[in-house]
Amino acid sequence: MSDSEILLKAAINRIAARMTEKLINSAQEFTEIAEELPQKLQNEWYSFKEEVLEESDRLEKKTNQSKEKSSEEQLSKEDLIQIQIDNLRSKVIDINKDIEGKN
């Protein structure tokens, strides 16, 4: 073999060795990731469920506050209606008094 053939064969051998080493390292990394993945997925799922529950609680509180506010507004509307009724009664009584006073 000539020097150039030996040099070319050495380069090919080194490239093959490096590629093999990279493939082995990549396979090991993939194996580690694959082993960790179920636990990571479980952690993410647990975290997601917690977030959903917290959001549900927040929405429930918001809804309850809204209902309370609506109830308070309803009470104040009822109070306003009652005040109007009382004012009308008072006017009717005043009119009756005026009518009786003229008779």
Protein backbone atom coordinates (compact mmCIF):
# COMPACT_ATOMS: atom_id res chain seq x y z
CA MET A 1 0.00 0.00 0.00
CA SER A 2 1.17 3.45 -0.81
CA ASP A 3 1.46 6.20 1.75
CA SER A 4 -1.61 7.98 0.39
CA GLU A 5 -3.65 4.74 0.59
CA ILE A 6 -2.53 4.18 4.17
CA LEU A 7 -3.34 7.78 5.04
CA LEU A 8 -6.79 7.49 3.42
CA LYS A 9 -7.50 4.18 5.19
CA ALA A 10 -6.41 5.71 8.54
CA ALA A 11 -8.72 8.71 8.00
CA ILE A 12 -11.65 6.41 7.17
CA ASN A 13 -10.92 4.25 10.24
CA ARG A 14 -10.83 7.34 12.50
CA ILE A 15 -14.04 8.73 10.99
CA ALA A 16 -15.74 5.36 11.51
CA ALA A 17 -14.45 5.17 15.10
CA ARG A 18 -15.67 8.69 15.87
CA MET A 19 -19.07 8.01 14.32
CA THR A 20 -19.36 4.77 16.30
CA GLU A 21 -18.44 6.63 19.50
CA LYS A 22 -20.99 9.36 18.75
CA LEU A 23 -23.69 6.77 18.02
CA ILE A 24 -22.93 4.94 21.27
CA ASN A 25 -23.06 8.22 23.22
CA SER A 26 -26.30 9.21 21.52
CA ALA A 27 -27.82 5.80 22.26
CA GLN A 28 -26.81 6.13 25.93
CA GLU A 29 -28.31 9.63 26.13
CA PHE A 30 -31.48 8.39 24.46
CA THR A 31 -31.68 5.51 26.95
CA GLU A 32 -31.29 7.92 29.87
CA ILE A 33 -33.97 10.20 28.45
CA ALA A 34 -36.27 7.23 27.84
CA GLU A 35 -35.77 6.08 31.44
CA GLU A 36 -36.47 9.56 32.84
CA LEU A 37 -39.40 10.28 30.53
CA PRO A 38 -42.14 8.38 32.44
CA GLN A 39 -41.24 10.17 35.69
CA LYS A 40 -41.09 13.54 33.93
CA LEU A 41 -44.45 12.89 32.27
CA GLN A 42 -45.94 11.84 35.60
CA ASN A 43 -44.58 15.00 37.25
CA GLU A 44 -45.94 17.17 34.46
CA TRP A 45 -49.33 15.44 34.64
CA TYR A 46 -49.46 15.95 38.42
CA SER A 47 -48.48 19.59 38.00
CA PHE A 48 -51.13 20.07 35.31
CA LYS A 49 -53.82 18.51 37.53
CA GLU A 50 -52.83 20.82 40.38
CA GLU A 51 -53.04 23.84 38.08
CA VAL A 52 -56.48 22.75 36.87
CA LEU A 53 -57.71 22.34 40.45
CA GLU A 54 -56.34 25.75 41.42
CA GLU A 55 -58.00 27.34 38.39
CA SER A 56 -61.23 25.56 39.21
CA ASP A 57 -61.10 26.93 42.77
CA ARG A 58 -60.36 30.41 41.44
CA LEU A 59 -63.29 30.26 39.03
CA GLU A 60 -65.60 28.92 41.73
CA LYS A 61 -64.63 31.76 44.08
CA LYS A 62 -65.14 34.26 41.28
CA THR A 63 -68.55 32.78 40.52
CA ASN A 64 -69.53 32.84 44.19
CA GLN A 65 -68.39 36.45 44.50
CA SER A 66 -70.38 37.27 41.40
CA LYS A 67 -73.47 35.57 42.86
CA GLU A 68 -73.00 37.43 46.15
CA LYS A 69 -72.62 40.69 44.28
CA SER A 70 -75.70 39.88 42.23
CA SER A 71 -77.62 39.08 45.42
CA GLU A 72 -76.51 42.37 46.95
CA GLU A 73 -77.52 44.22 43.79
CA GLN A 74 -80.86 42.38 43.83
CA LEU A 75 -81.39 43.39 47.44
CA SER A 76 -80.62 46.99 46.66
CA LYS A 77 -83.01 46.85 43.67
CA GLU A 78 -85.68 45.41 45.95
CA ASP A 79 -84.94 48.14 48.47
CA LEU A 80 -85.32 50.80 45.76
CA ILE A 81 -88.64 49.29 44.66
CA GLN A 82 -89.85 49.24 48.26
CA ILE A 83 -88.85 52.89 48.69
CA GLN A 84 -90.80 53.78 45.54
CA ILE A 85 -93.82 51.87 46.84
CA ASP A 86 -93.56 53.66 50.19
CA ASN A 87 -93.33 57.04 48.42
CA LEU A 88 -96.41 56.22 46.32
CA ARG A 89 -98.35 55.17 49.43
CA SER A 90 -97.35 58.39 51.12
CA LYS A 91 -98.58 60.41 48.13
CA VAL A 92 -101.87 58.46 48.06
CA ILE A 93 -102.35 59.14 51.79
CA ASP A 94 -101.63 62.86 51.23
CA ILE A 95 -104.11 62.97 48.33
CA ASN A 96 -106.77 61.20 50.44
CA LYS A 97 -106.21 63.71 53.25
CA ASP A 98 -106.59 66.60 50.79
CA ILE A 99 -109.77 65.08 49.40
CA GLU A 100 -111.22 64.46 52.89
CA GLY A 101 -110.24 67.97 53.95
CA LYS A 102 -112.15 69.49 51.04
CA ASN A 103 -115.29 67.50 51.80
